[in-house]
N, C-alpha and C. Protein backbone atom coordinates (compact mmCIF):
# COMPACT_ATOMS: atom_id res chain seq x y z
N MET A 1 -109.14 5.40 -6.61
CA MET A 1 -108.45 6.00 -5.48
C MET A 1 -109.46 6.79 -4.66
N THR A 2 -109.42 6.62 -3.37
CA THR A 2 -110.36 7.31 -2.49
C THR A 2 -109.95 8.78 -2.32
N THR A 3 -110.86 9.56 -1.80
CA THR A 3 -110.55 10.97 -1.52
C THR A 3 -109.38 11.07 -0.55
N LEU A 4 -109.39 10.24 0.48
CA LEU A 4 -108.31 10.26 1.47
C LEU A 4 -106.97 9.92 0.82
N GLU A 5 -106.94 8.93 -0.04
CA GLU A 5 -105.70 8.56 -0.73
C GLU A 5 -105.21 9.69 -1.62
N ARG A 6 -106.13 10.34 -2.31
CA ARG A 6 -105.75 11.48 -3.15
C ARG A 6 -105.19 12.62 -2.31
N LEU A 7 -105.80 12.86 -1.14
CA LEU A 7 -105.30 13.91 -0.25
C LEU A 7 -103.90 13.57 0.26
N GLN A 8 -103.67 12.32 0.60
CA GLN A 8 -102.34 11.90 1.05
C GLN A 8 -101.31 12.11 -0.06
N GLN A 9 -101.70 11.80 -1.28
CA GLN A 9 -100.81 11.97 -2.42
C GLN A 9 -100.49 13.45 -2.64
N LEU A 10 -101.49 14.31 -2.54
CA LEU A 10 -101.27 15.75 -2.70
C LEU A 10 -100.35 16.30 -1.61
N ALA A 11 -100.58 15.84 -0.37
CA ALA A 11 -99.74 16.29 0.74
C ALA A 11 -98.30 15.84 0.53
N ARG A 12 -98.12 14.61 0.05
CA ARG A 12 -96.76 14.10 -0.19
C ARG A 12 -96.08 14.90 -1.30
N THR A 13 -96.82 15.24 -2.34
CA THR A 13 -96.25 16.02 -3.43
C THR A 13 -95.77 17.38 -2.93
N ARG A 14 -96.56 18.02 -2.08
CA ARG A 14 -96.22 19.35 -1.59
C ARG A 14 -95.19 19.32 -0.46
N PHE A 15 -95.30 18.35 0.46
CA PHE A 15 -94.49 18.38 1.68
C PHE A 15 -93.48 17.24 1.80
N GLY A 16 -93.43 16.36 0.82
CA GLY A 16 -92.42 15.31 0.83
C GLY A 16 -92.78 14.12 1.70
N GLU A 17 -91.75 13.34 2.02
CA GLU A 17 -91.93 12.06 2.70
C GLU A 17 -92.56 12.17 4.08
N LYS A 18 -92.40 13.30 4.75
CA LYS A 18 -92.99 13.41 6.09
C LYS A 18 -94.51 13.30 6.03
N ALA A 19 -95.10 13.51 4.86
CA ALA A 19 -96.55 13.37 4.71
C ALA A 19 -96.99 11.91 4.71
N ASP A 20 -96.05 10.97 4.55
CA ASP A 20 -96.40 9.55 4.54
C ASP A 20 -97.01 9.10 5.86
N ALA A 21 -96.69 9.78 6.94
CA ALA A 21 -97.19 9.40 8.26
C ALA A 21 -98.61 9.90 8.53
N LEU A 22 -99.18 10.65 7.60
CA LEU A 22 -100.51 11.22 7.83
C LEU A 22 -101.60 10.15 7.71
N GLY A 23 -102.37 10.02 8.76
CA GLY A 23 -103.56 9.18 8.73
C GLY A 23 -104.78 10.08 8.69
N PRO A 24 -105.97 9.51 8.65
CA PRO A 24 -107.17 10.33 8.56
C PRO A 24 -107.39 11.25 9.77
N ASP A 25 -106.85 10.89 10.92
CA ASP A 25 -107.07 11.68 12.13
C ASP A 25 -105.82 12.39 12.64
N THR A 26 -104.76 12.37 11.85
CA THR A 26 -103.51 13.02 12.23
C THR A 26 -103.61 14.52 11.99
N ASP A 27 -103.21 15.31 12.98
CA ASP A 27 -103.18 16.76 12.82
C ASP A 27 -102.04 17.10 11.86
N PHE A 28 -102.39 17.52 10.64
CA PHE A 28 -101.34 17.74 9.65
C PHE A 28 -100.51 18.98 9.93
N PHE A 29 -101.02 19.94 10.67
CA PHE A 29 -100.20 21.09 11.05
C PHE A 29 -99.04 20.62 11.92
N ASP A 30 -99.35 19.79 12.92
CA ASP A 30 -98.31 19.28 13.81
C ASP A 30 -97.39 18.30 13.10
N ALA A 31 -97.97 17.35 12.36
CA ALA A 31 -97.17 16.30 11.73
C ALA A 31 -96.23 16.85 10.66
N LEU A 32 -96.68 17.84 9.93
CA LEU A 32 -95.88 18.39 8.84
C LEU A 32 -95.09 19.62 9.25
N GLY A 33 -95.43 20.20 10.40
CA GLY A 33 -94.75 21.42 10.85
C GLY A 33 -95.05 22.59 9.94
N ILE A 34 -96.33 22.70 9.50
CA ILE A 34 -96.70 23.77 8.58
C ILE A 34 -97.47 24.88 9.28
N ASP A 35 -97.55 26.01 8.62
CA ASP A 35 -98.34 27.12 9.14
C ASP A 35 -99.57 27.32 8.25
N SER A 36 -100.37 28.31 8.57
CA SER A 36 -101.63 28.52 7.86
C SER A 36 -101.42 28.89 6.39
N LEU A 37 -100.34 29.60 6.07
CA LEU A 37 -100.08 29.93 4.67
C LEU A 37 -99.75 28.69 3.85
N GLN A 38 -98.99 27.78 4.43
CA GLN A 38 -98.68 26.53 3.75
C GLN A 38 -99.93 25.67 3.59
N ALA A 39 -100.81 25.74 4.58
CA ALA A 39 -102.08 25.01 4.49
C ALA A 39 -102.94 25.57 3.36
N LEU A 40 -102.90 26.89 3.16
CA LEU A 40 -103.65 27.49 2.06
C LEU A 40 -103.08 27.06 0.71
N ASP A 41 -101.77 26.89 0.63
CA ASP A 41 -101.17 26.37 -0.60
C ASP A 41 -101.68 24.96 -0.88
N LEU A 42 -101.76 24.14 0.17
CA LEU A 42 -102.29 22.79 0.02
C LEU A 42 -103.76 22.85 -0.42
N LEU A 43 -104.52 23.78 0.15
CA LEU A 43 -105.92 23.93 -0.24
C LEU A 43 -106.04 24.26 -1.73
N THR A 44 -105.17 25.10 -2.23
CA THR A 44 -105.18 25.42 -3.66
C THR A 44 -104.93 24.16 -4.49
N ASP A 45 -103.96 23.35 -4.06
CA ASP A 45 -103.70 22.08 -4.75
C ASP A 45 -104.94 21.19 -4.73
N ILE A 46 -105.60 21.14 -3.59
CA ILE A 46 -106.79 20.30 -3.42
C ILE A 46 -107.92 20.78 -4.32
N GLU A 47 -108.15 22.08 -4.33
CA GLU A 47 -109.21 22.63 -5.17
C GLU A 47 -108.96 22.32 -6.64
N ASP A 48 -107.72 22.44 -7.07
CA ASP A 48 -107.38 22.14 -8.46
C ASP A 48 -107.57 20.66 -8.77
N ALA A 49 -107.11 19.80 -7.88
CA ALA A 49 -107.17 18.35 -8.10
C ALA A 49 -108.60 17.82 -8.10
N PHE A 50 -109.45 18.39 -7.24
CA PHE A 50 -110.82 17.89 -7.10
C PHE A 50 -111.84 18.70 -7.89
N GLY A 51 -111.41 19.81 -8.48
CA GLY A 51 -112.33 20.64 -9.25
C GLY A 51 -113.40 21.27 -8.38
N VAL A 52 -113.02 21.69 -7.17
CA VAL A 52 -113.96 22.32 -6.25
C VAL A 52 -113.39 23.66 -5.80
N GLU A 53 -114.27 24.50 -5.27
CA GLU A 53 -113.83 25.73 -4.63
C GLU A 53 -114.39 25.74 -3.22
N VAL A 54 -113.48 25.67 -2.25
CA VAL A 54 -113.88 25.60 -0.85
C VAL A 54 -113.63 26.96 -0.21
N PRO A 55 -114.66 27.57 0.38
CA PRO A 55 -114.45 28.86 1.05
C PRO A 55 -113.45 28.71 2.21
N ASP A 56 -112.62 29.71 2.39
CA ASP A 56 -111.61 29.68 3.45
C ASP A 56 -112.22 29.43 4.82
N TRP A 57 -113.41 29.98 5.07
CA TRP A 57 -114.03 29.82 6.39
C TRP A 57 -114.36 28.36 6.68
N GLU A 58 -114.59 27.56 5.64
CA GLU A 58 -114.87 26.13 5.84
C GLU A 58 -113.65 25.39 6.37
N MET A 59 -112.48 25.92 6.08
CA MET A 59 -111.24 25.24 6.44
C MET A 59 -110.68 25.71 7.78
N GLN A 60 -111.32 26.68 8.37
CA GLN A 60 -110.78 27.34 9.56
C GLN A 60 -110.39 26.36 10.68
N ASP A 61 -111.19 25.37 10.96
CA ASP A 61 -110.91 24.44 12.06
C ASP A 61 -110.52 23.05 11.59
N VAL A 62 -110.28 22.87 10.30
CA VAL A 62 -109.93 21.57 9.76
C VAL A 62 -108.42 21.36 9.92
N ARG A 63 -108.05 20.26 10.59
CA ARG A 63 -106.64 19.98 10.84
C ARG A 63 -106.25 18.55 10.51
N THR A 64 -107.17 17.79 9.89
CA THR A 64 -106.88 16.40 9.55
C THR A 64 -107.28 16.11 8.11
N LEU A 65 -106.69 15.06 7.54
CA LEU A 65 -107.07 14.68 6.18
C LEU A 65 -108.51 14.17 6.15
N GLY A 66 -108.94 13.51 7.22
CA GLY A 66 -110.33 13.08 7.30
C GLY A 66 -111.28 14.26 7.26
N GLY A 67 -110.92 15.32 7.96
CA GLY A 67 -111.73 16.54 7.94
C GLY A 67 -111.74 17.18 6.57
N LEU A 68 -110.58 17.18 5.90
CA LEU A 68 -110.52 17.72 4.55
C LEU A 68 -111.40 16.92 3.61
N ALA A 69 -111.35 15.60 3.72
CA ALA A 69 -112.18 14.74 2.87
C ALA A 69 -113.66 15.03 3.07
N GLU A 70 -114.05 15.27 4.30
CA GLU A 70 -115.45 15.59 4.61
C GLU A 70 -115.87 16.90 3.96
N VAL A 71 -115.03 17.92 4.06
CA VAL A 71 -115.34 19.22 3.46
C VAL A 71 -115.40 19.10 1.95
N ILE A 72 -114.46 18.41 1.36
CA ILE A 72 -114.45 18.23 -0.10
C ILE A 72 -115.74 17.53 -0.56
N GLY A 73 -116.17 16.55 0.21
CA GLY A 73 -117.41 15.85 -0.12
C GLY A 73 -118.62 16.77 -0.15
N ARG A 74 -118.62 17.78 0.73
CA ARG A 74 -119.74 18.73 0.75
C ARG A 74 -119.76 19.63 -0.48
N TYR A 75 -118.62 19.77 -1.12
CA TYR A 75 -118.53 20.65 -2.29
C TYR A 75 -118.42 19.88 -3.60
N GLY A 76 -118.73 18.61 -3.55
CA GLY A 76 -118.83 17.82 -4.77
C GLY A 76 -117.58 17.15 -5.25
N GLY A 77 -116.52 17.16 -4.44
CA GLY A 77 -115.27 16.56 -4.88
C GLY A 77 -115.21 15.07 -4.63
């Protein structure tokens, strides 16, 4: 399973079926109707699933699953 597929699966687990529409370049804040606190909850799920710790500042401008995959790759996930 690719990083992107794992991210889609994590988003679906946390946010339900509306996460099915997420592509690598889809703004997940808009598509899921989430706020920054909900995004931090997703980040916690991601860190646990990938065994990485991503500083909050790295996520500041990330709004797509493709962007998340890129950041995770920098931290060894």
